[in-house]
C-alpha atoms as a PDB file:
ATOM      1  CA  UNK A   1       0.000   0.000   0.000  1.00  0.00           C
ATOM      2  CA  UNK A   2       2.802   2.440   0.848  1.00  0.00           C
ATOM      3  CA  UNK A   3       4.347   1.648  -2.507  1.00  0.00           C
ATOM      4  CA  UNK A   4       1.245   3.133  -4.172  1.00  0.00           C
ATOM      5  CA  UNK A   5       0.621   5.945  -1.689  1.00  0.00           C
ATOM      6  CA  UNK A   6       4.086   7.512  -1.880  1.00  0.00           C
ATOM      7  CA  UNK A   7       4.118   8.111  -5.689  1.00  0.00           C
ATOM      8  CA  UNK A   8       0.550   9.395  -5.516  1.00  0.00           C
ATOM      9  CA  UNK A   9       1.491  11.963  -2.832  1.00  0.00           C
ATOM     10  CA  UNK A  10       4.629  12.982  -4.733  1.00  0.00           C
ATOM     11  CA  UNK A  11       2.636  13.482  -7.956  1.00  0.00           C
ATOM     12  CA  UNK A  12      -0.063  15.419  -6.094  1.00  0.00           C
ATOM     13  CA  UNK A  13       2.546  17.749  -4.587  1.00  0.00           C
ATOM     14  CA  UNK A  14       4.372  18.126  -7.910  1.00  0.00           C
ATOM     15  CA  UNK A  15       1.273  18.962  -9.949  1.00  0.00           C
ATOM     16  CA  UNK A  16      -0.022  21.263  -7.207  1.00  0.00           C
ATOM     17  CA  UNK A  17       3.193  23.268  -7.451  1.00  0.00           C
ATOM     18  CA  UNK A  18       3.273  23.152 -11.262  1.00  0.00           C
ATOM     19  CA  UNK A  19      -0.371  23.930 -12.027  1.00  0.00           C
ATOM     20  CA  UNK A  20      -1.276  25.882  -8.906  1.00  0.00           C
ATOM     21  CA  UNK A  21       1.823  28.037  -8.629  1.00  0.00           C
ATOM     22  CA  UNK A  22       4.243  27.675 -11.544  1.00  0.00           C
ATOM     23  CA  UNK A  23       1.792  27.950 -14.437  1.00  0.00           C
ATOM     24  CA  UNK A  24      -0.158  30.975 -13.063  1.00  0.00           C
ATOM     25  CA  UNK A  25       3.095  32.804 -12.269  1.00  0.00           C
ATOM     26  CA  UNK A  26       4.503  32.064 -15.743  1.00  0.00           C
ATOM     27  CA  UNK A  27       1.327  33.242 -17.517  1.00  0.00           C
ATOM     28  CA  UNK A  28       1.130  36.356 -15.332  1.00  0.00           C
ATOM     29  CA  UNK A  29       4.791  37.144 -16.010  1.00  0.00           C
ATOM     30  CA  UNK A  30       4.385  36.716 -19.770  1.00  0.00           C
ATOM     31  CA  UNK A  31       1.228  38.849 -19.783  1.00  0.00           C
ATOM     32  CA  UNK A  32       2.868  41.607 -17.730  1.00  0.00           C
ATOM     33  CA  UNK A  33       5.923  41.539 -19.987  1.00  0.00           C
ATOM     34  CA  UNK A  34       4.155  41.510 -23.353  1.00  0.00           C
ATOM     35  CA  UNK A  35       0.785  43.175 -22.657  1.00  0.00           C
ATOM     36  CA  UNK A  36       1.039  45.148 -19.404  1.00  0.00           C
ATOM     37  CA  UNK A  37      -1.906  47.488 -20.101  1.00  0.00           C
ATOM     38  CA  UNK A  38      -4.268  44.659 -21.024  1.00  0.00           C
ATOM     39  CA  UNK A  39      -3.052  42.424 -18.175  1.00  0.00           C
ATOM     40  CA  UNK A  40      -3.897  45.186 -15.713  1.00  0.00           C
ATOM     41  CA  UNK A  41      -7.448  45.730 -16.975  1.00  0.00           C
ATOM     42  CA  UNK A  42      -6.998  48.170 -19.892  1.00  0.00           C
ATOM     43  CA  UNK A  43      -7.397  51.047 -17.446  1.00  0.00           C
ATOM     44  CA  UNK A  44      -7.723  54.630 -18.670  1.00  0.00           C
ATOM     45  CA  UNK A  45      -5.803  57.099 -16.494  1.00  0.00           C
ATOM     46  CA  UNK A  46      -6.129  60.886 -16.594  1.00  0.00           C
ATOM     47  CA  UNK A  47      -4.078  63.191 -14.351  1.00  0.00           C
ATOM     48  CA  UNK A  48      -2.885  60.198 -12.329  1.00  0.00           C
ATOM     49  CA  UNK A  49      -6.429  59.012 -11.589  1.00  0.00           C
ATOM     50  CA  UNK A  50      -8.127  55.905 -12.974  1.00  0.00           C
ATOM     51  CA  UNK A  51     -11.370  56.993 -14.641  1.00  0.00           C
ATOM     52  CA  UNK A  52     -12.446  53.694 -16.130  1.00  0.00           C
ATOM     53  CA  UNK A  53     -11.549  50.734 -18.267  1.00  0.00           C
ATOM     54  CA  UNK A  54     -11.812  50.260 -22.012  1.00  0.00           C
ATOM     55  CA  UNK A  55     -13.450  46.909 -21.276  1.00  0.00           C
ATOM     56  CA  UNK A  56     -16.237  47.914 -18.868  1.00  0.00           C
ATOM     57  CA  UNK A  57     -19.053  50.281 -19.753  1.00  0.00           C
ATOM     58  CA  UNK A  58     -20.228  52.985 -17.399  1.00  0.00           C
ATOM     59  CA  UNK A  59     -23.272  55.193 -17.214  1.00  0.00           C
ATOM     60  CA  UNK A  60     -23.343  58.670 -18.760  1.00  0.00           C
ATOM     61  CA  UNK A  61     -26.643  60.425 -18.106  1.00  0.00           C
ATOM     62  CA  UNK A  62     -25.817  64.044 -19.010  1.00  0.00           C
ATOM     63  CA  UNK A  63     -27.099  65.394 -22.315  1.00  0.00           C
ATOM     64  CA  UNK A  64     -23.533  66.594 -22.947  1.00  0.00           C
ATOM     65  CA  UNK A  65     -22.266  63.036 -23.337  1.00  0.00           C
ATOM     66  CA  UNK A  66     -22.901  60.055 -25.557  1.00  0.00           C
ATOM     67  CA  UNK A  67     -24.929  57.447 -23.732  1.00  0.00           C
ATOM     68  CA  UNK A  68     -24.051  53.743 -23.625  1.00  0.00           C
ATOM     69  CA  UNK A  69     -26.523  51.007 -24.388  1.00  0.00           C
ATOM     70  CA  UNK A  70     -28.933  50.135 -21.548  1.00  0.00           C
ATOM     71  CA  UNK A  71     -27.625  47.932 -18.729  1.00  0.00           C
ATOM     72  CA  UNK A  72     -29.537  45.202 -16.887  1.00  0.00           C
ATOM     73  CA  UNK A  73     -27.099  44.628 -14.014  1.00  0.00           C
ATOM     74  CA  UNK A  74     -28.465  44.464 -10.497  1.00  0.00           C
ATOM     75  CA  UNK A  75     -27.421  44.650  -6.832  1.00  0.00           C
ATOM     76  CA  UNK A  76     -28.767  43.261  -3.564  1.00  0.00           C
ATOM     77  CA  UNK A  77     -31.803  45.150  -2.248  1.00  0.00           C
ATOM     78  CA  UNK A  78     -30.678  47.115   0.843  1.00  0.00           C
ATOM     79  CA  UNK A  79     -34.102  46.450   2.401  1.00  0.00           C
ATOM     80  CA  UNK A  80     -34.135  42.715   1.659  1.00  0.00           C
ATOM     81  CA  UNK A  81     -30.821  41.016   0.737  1.00  0.00           C
ATOM     82  CA  UNK A  82     -32.697  38.002  -0.663  1.00  0.00           C
ATOM     83  CA  UNK A  83     -33.941  40.250  -3.514  1.00  0.00           C
ATOM     84  CA  UNK A  84     -32.226  42.389  -6.107  1.00  0.00           C
ATOM     85  CA  UNK A  85     -32.798  45.885  -7.457  1.00  0.00           C
ATOM     86  CA  UNK A  86     -31.771  47.431 -10.769  1.00  0.00           C
ATOM     87  CA  UNK A  87     -28.243  48.865 -10.601  1.00  0.00           C
ATOM     88  CA  UNK A  88     -27.134  49.782 -14.138  1.00  0.00           C
ATOM     89  CA  UNK A  89     -23.426  49.285 -14.896  1.00  0.00           C
ATOM     90  CA  UNK A  90     -22.733  47.498 -11.615  1.00  0.00           C
ATOM     91  CA  UNK A  91     -19.334  46.022 -12.504  1.00  0.00           C
ATOM     92  CA  UNK A  92     -19.392  43.707  -9.484  1.00  0.00           C
ATOM     93  CA  UNK A  93     -22.472  41.898 -10.795  1.00  0.00           C
ATOM     94  CA  UNK A  94     -22.204  41.398 -14.536  1.00  0.00           C
ATOM     95  CA  UNK A  95     -25.441  39.907 -15.840  1.00  0.00           C
ATOM     96  CA  UNK A  96     -28.215  40.131 -18.388  1.00  0.00           C
ATOM     97  CA  UNK A  97     -31.860  40.603 -17.511  1.00  0.00           C
ATOM     98  CA  UNK A  98     -32.974  37.095 -18.550  1.00  0.00           C
ATOM     99  CA  UNK A  99     -36.281  38.660 -19.596  1.00  0.00           C
ATOM    100  CA  UNK A 100     -37.990  37.081 -22.587  1.00  0.00           C
ATOM    101  CA  UNK A 101     -39.150  39.162 -25.570  1.00  0.00           C
ATOM    102  CA  UNK A 102     -42.777  39.036 -24.401  1.00  0.00           C
ATOM    103  CA  UNK A 103     -42.095  39.973 -20.777  1.00  0.00           C
ATOM    104  CA  UNK A 104     -44.100  43.056 -19.807  1.00  0.00           C
ATOM    105  CA  UNK A 105     -41.226  44.662 -17.909  1.00  0.00           C
ATOM    106  CA  UNK A 106     -38.903  44.394 -20.926  1.00  0.00           C
ATOM    107  CA  UNK A 107     -41.537  45.587 -23.404  1.00  0.00           C
ATOM    108  CA  UNK A 108     -42.380  48.588 -21.195  1.00  0.00           C
ATOM    109  CA  UNK A 109     -38.710  49.550 -20.789  1.00  0.00           C
ATOM    110  CA  UNK A 110     -38.005  49.321 -24.529  1.00  0.00           C
ATOM    111  CA  UNK A 111     -41.122  51.384 -25.330  1.00  0.00           C
ATOM    112  CA  UNK A 112     -40.067  54.020 -22.778  1.00  0.00           C
ATOM    113  CA  UNK A 113     -36.550  54.138 -24.255  1.00  0.00           C
ATOM    114  CA  UNK A 114     -37.932  54.530 -27.785  1.00  0.00           C
ATOM    115  CA  UNK A 115     -40.252  57.310 -26.634  1.00  0.00           C
ATOM    116  CA  UNK A 116     -37.350  59.113 -24.931  1.00  0.00           C
ATOM    117  CA  UNK A 117     -35.273  58.887 -28.113  1.00  0.00           C
ATOM    118  CA  UNK A 118     -38.153  60.258 -30.191  1.00  0.00           C
ATOM    119  CA  UNK A 119     -38.435  63.209 -27.775  1.00  0.00           C
ATOM    120  CA  UNK A 120     -34.712  63.848 -28.327  1.00  0.00           C
ATOM    121  CA  UNK A 121     -35.491  64.167 -32.010  1.00  0.00           C
ATOM    122  CA  UNK A 122     -34.289  60.779 -33.262  1.00  0.00           C
ATOM    123  CA  UNK A 123     -36.118  60.049 -36.514  1.00  0.00           C
ATOM    124  CA  UNK A 124     -36.323  56.889 -38.572  1.00  0.00           C
ATOM    125  CA  UNK A 125     -35.096  53.478 -37.479  1.00  0.00           C
ATOM    126  CA  UNK A 126     -33.641  53.244 -33.994  1.00  0.00           C
ATOM    127  CA  UNK A 127     -30.488  51.110 -33.718  1.00  0.00           C
ATOM    128  CA  UNK A 128     -31.259  47.959 -31.688  1.00  0.00           C
ATOM    129  CA  UNK A 129     -28.378  48.558 -29.278  1.00  0.00           C
ATOM    130  CA  UNK A 130     -29.921  51.890 -28.274  1.00  0.00           C
ATOM    131  CA  UNK A 131     -32.794  50.067 -26.545  1.00  0.00           C
ATOM    132  CA  UNK A 132     -31.444  46.580 -25.774  1.00  0.00           C
ATOM    133  CA  UNK A 133     -28.964  45.442 -23.154  1.00  0.00           C
ATOM    134  CA  UNK A 134     -25.887  43.322 -23.736  1.00  0.00           C
ATOM    135  CA  UNK A 135     -25.469  39.863 -22.225  1.00  0.00           C
ATOM    136  CA  UNK A 136     -23.036  41.186 -19.616  1.00  0.00           C
ATOM    137  CA  UNK A 137     -24.784  44.486 -18.964  1.00  0.00           C
ATOM    138  CA  UNK A 138     -21.334  46.110 -19.138  1.00  0.00           C
ATOM    139  CA  UNK A 139     -20.668  46.445 -22.866  1.00  0.00           C
ATOM    140  CA  UNK A 140     -18.355  49.452 -23.356  1.00  0.00           C
ATOM    141  CA  UNK A 141     -19.217  49.825 -27.050  1.00  0.00           C
ATOM    142  CA  UNK A 142     -22.140  51.032 -29.116  1.00  0.00           C
ATOM    143  CA  UNK A 143     -22.656  50.810 -32.853  1.00  0.00           C
ATOM    144  CA  UNK A 144     -21.665  53.791 -35.007  1.00  0.00           C
ATOM    145  CA  UNK A 145     -25.349  54.081 -35.944  1.00  0.00           C
ATOM    146  CA  UNK A 146     -26.290  54.454 -32.270  1.00  0.00           C
ATOM    147  CA  UNK A 147     -23.607  57.103 -31.783  1.00  0.00           C
ATOM    148  CA  UNK A 148     -24.772  59.015 -34.860  1.00  0.00           C
ATOM    149  CA  UNK A 149     -28.361  59.173 -33.549  1.00  0.00           C
ATOM    150  CA  UNK A 150     -26.978  61.020 -30.501  1.00  0.00           C
ATOM    151  CA  UNK A 151     -24.878  63.560 -32.413  1.00  0.00           C
ATOM    152  CA  UNK A 152     -27.573  66.254 -32.650  1.00  0.00           C
ATOM    153  CA  UNK A 153     -28.355  66.090 -28.895  1.00  0.00           C
ATOM    154  CA  UNK A 154     -24.690  66.253 -27.863  1.00  0.00           C
ATOM    155  CA  UNK A 155     -23.905  69.037 -30.329  1.00  0.00           C
ATOM    156  CA  UNK A 156     -26.834  71.129 -29.075  1.00  0.00           C
ATOM    157  CA  UNK A 157     -25.948  70.572 -25.396  1.00  0.00           C
ATOM    158  CA  UNK A 158     -22.334  71.625 -26.018  1.00  0.00           C
ATOM    159  CA  UNK A 159     -23.099  74.366 -28.537  1.00  0.00           C
ATOM    160  CA  UNK A 160     -20.968  72.627 -31.170  1.00  0.00           C
ATOM    161  CA  UNK A 161     -21.461  72.222 -34.901  1.00  0.00           C
ATOM    162  CA  UNK A 162     -23.189  68.928 -35.718  1.00  0.00           C
ATOM    163  CA  UNK A 163     -20.583  68.169 -38.395  1.00  0.00           C
ATOM    164  CA  UNK A 164     -17.753  68.541 -35.879  1.00  0.00           C
ATOM    165  CA  UNK A 165     -19.358  66.048 -33.484  1.00  0.00           C
ATOM    166  CA  UNK A 166     -20.132  63.665 -36.359  1.00  0.00           C
ATOM    167  CA  UNK A 167     -16.474  63.781 -37.441  1.00  0.00           C
ATOM    168  CA  UNK A 168     -15.458  62.953 -33.881  1.00  0.00           C
ATOM    169  CA  UNK A 169     -17.705  59.869 -33.920  1.00  0.00           C
ATOM    170  CA  UNK A 170     -16.213  58.771 -37.236  1.00  0.00           C
ATOM    171  CA  UNK A 171     -12.674  59.269 -35.908  1.00  0.00           C
ATOM    172  CA  UNK A 172     -13.474  57.163 -32.810  1.00  0.00           C
ATOM    173  CA  UNK A 173     -15.119  54.326 -34.768  1.00  0.00           C
ATOM    174  CA  UNK A 174     -13.113  51.109 -34.539  1.00  0.00           C
ATOM    175  CA  UNK A 175     -13.133  48.737 -37.491  1.00  0.00           C
ATOM    176  CA  UNK A 176     -13.406  44.960 -37.602  1.00  0.00           C
ATOM    177  CA  UNK A 177     -10.426  43.047 -36.210  1.00  0.00           C
ATOM    178  CA  UNK A 178      -8.166  42.072 -39.126  1.00  0.00           C
ATOM    179  CA  UNK A 179     -10.857  43.566 -41.364  1.00  0.00           C
ATOM    180  CA  UNK A 180     -13.023  40.474 -40.864  1.00  0.00           C
ATOM    181  CA  UNK A 181     -13.867  39.709 -37.244  1.00  0.00           C
ATOM    182  CA  UNK A 182     -16.621  41.456 -35.287  1.00  0.00           C
ATOM    183  CA  UNK A 183     -18.515  44.611 -36.116  1.00  0.00           C
ATOM    184  CA  UNK A 184     -17.614  48.280 -36.324  1.00  0.00           C
ATOM    185  CA  UNK A 185     -18.005  49.865 -32.892  1.00  0.00           C
ATOM    186  CA  UNK A 186     -17.432  52.968 -30.800  1.00  0.00           C
ATOM    187  CA  UNK A 187     -16.031  52.875 -27.267  1.00  0.00           C
ATOM    188  CA  UNK A 188     -18.320  55.254 -25.351  1.00  0.00           C
ATOM    189  CA  UNK A 189     -15.781  56.242 -22.678  1.00  0.00           C
ATOM    190  CA  UNK A 190     -13.074  57.030 -25.230  1.00  0.00           C
ATOM    191  CA  UNK A 191     -15.576  58.972 -27.352  1.00  0.00           C
ATOM    192  CA  UNK A 192     -16.674  61.063 -24.364  1.00  0.00           C
ATOM    193  CA  UNK A 193     -13.066  61.737 -23.382  1.00  0.00           C
ATOM    194  CA  UNK A 194     -12.361  62.926 -26.935  1.00  0.00           C
ATOM    195  CA  UNK A 195     -15.477  65.094 -26.689  1.00  0.00           C
ATOM    196  CA  UNK A 196     -14.228  66.668 -23.459  1.00  0.00           C
ATOM    197  CA  UNK A 197     -10.885  67.345 -25.131  1.00  0.00           C
ATOM    198  CA  UNK A 198     -12.681  69.701 -27.546  1.00  0.00           C
ATOM    199  CA  UNK A 199     -13.476  71.888 -24.518  1.00  0.00           C
ATOM    200  CA  UNK A 200     -16.350  74.002 -25.883  1.00  0.00           C
END
């Protein structure tokens, strides 16, 4: 029995050190050496202060900024921890709404969002990502079409020429990876930072 137990214990210790310590340290070292910004969360720093990440969306409610797509993240209810309450862009609780297309709550929210966009002056077709949430609830990107529907509102709130704001959106639009993978997109945080840099 000891003849079988000793090799088993040695292998357990060896693979614990290799896979539990050696491999994670090697991968972390390689990531820090080759891709330090990405390995540390793709953080955006201004004046020595972290203001966000390129990978995690955040709420912008002011008319002076481009708005992200809706978020369905939640948080524990302070009154009853066994329940949850809506907490848009809660990065500690990435989740979708899990509401089906016929759910009253979802239908009412989408209708309200469409009505709000119409009041802002958005005409024609509304981009789907302007009224639907992402699977994570933390998507940092919107479609160029969504950004362009917001140009008139942002330009008016900042007293800027519409063409200037439209050019900014076009400059901030990211293409498909390798020209093939994914869709064209706009990072909302980076777009709003570029907007602030205009300083009107």
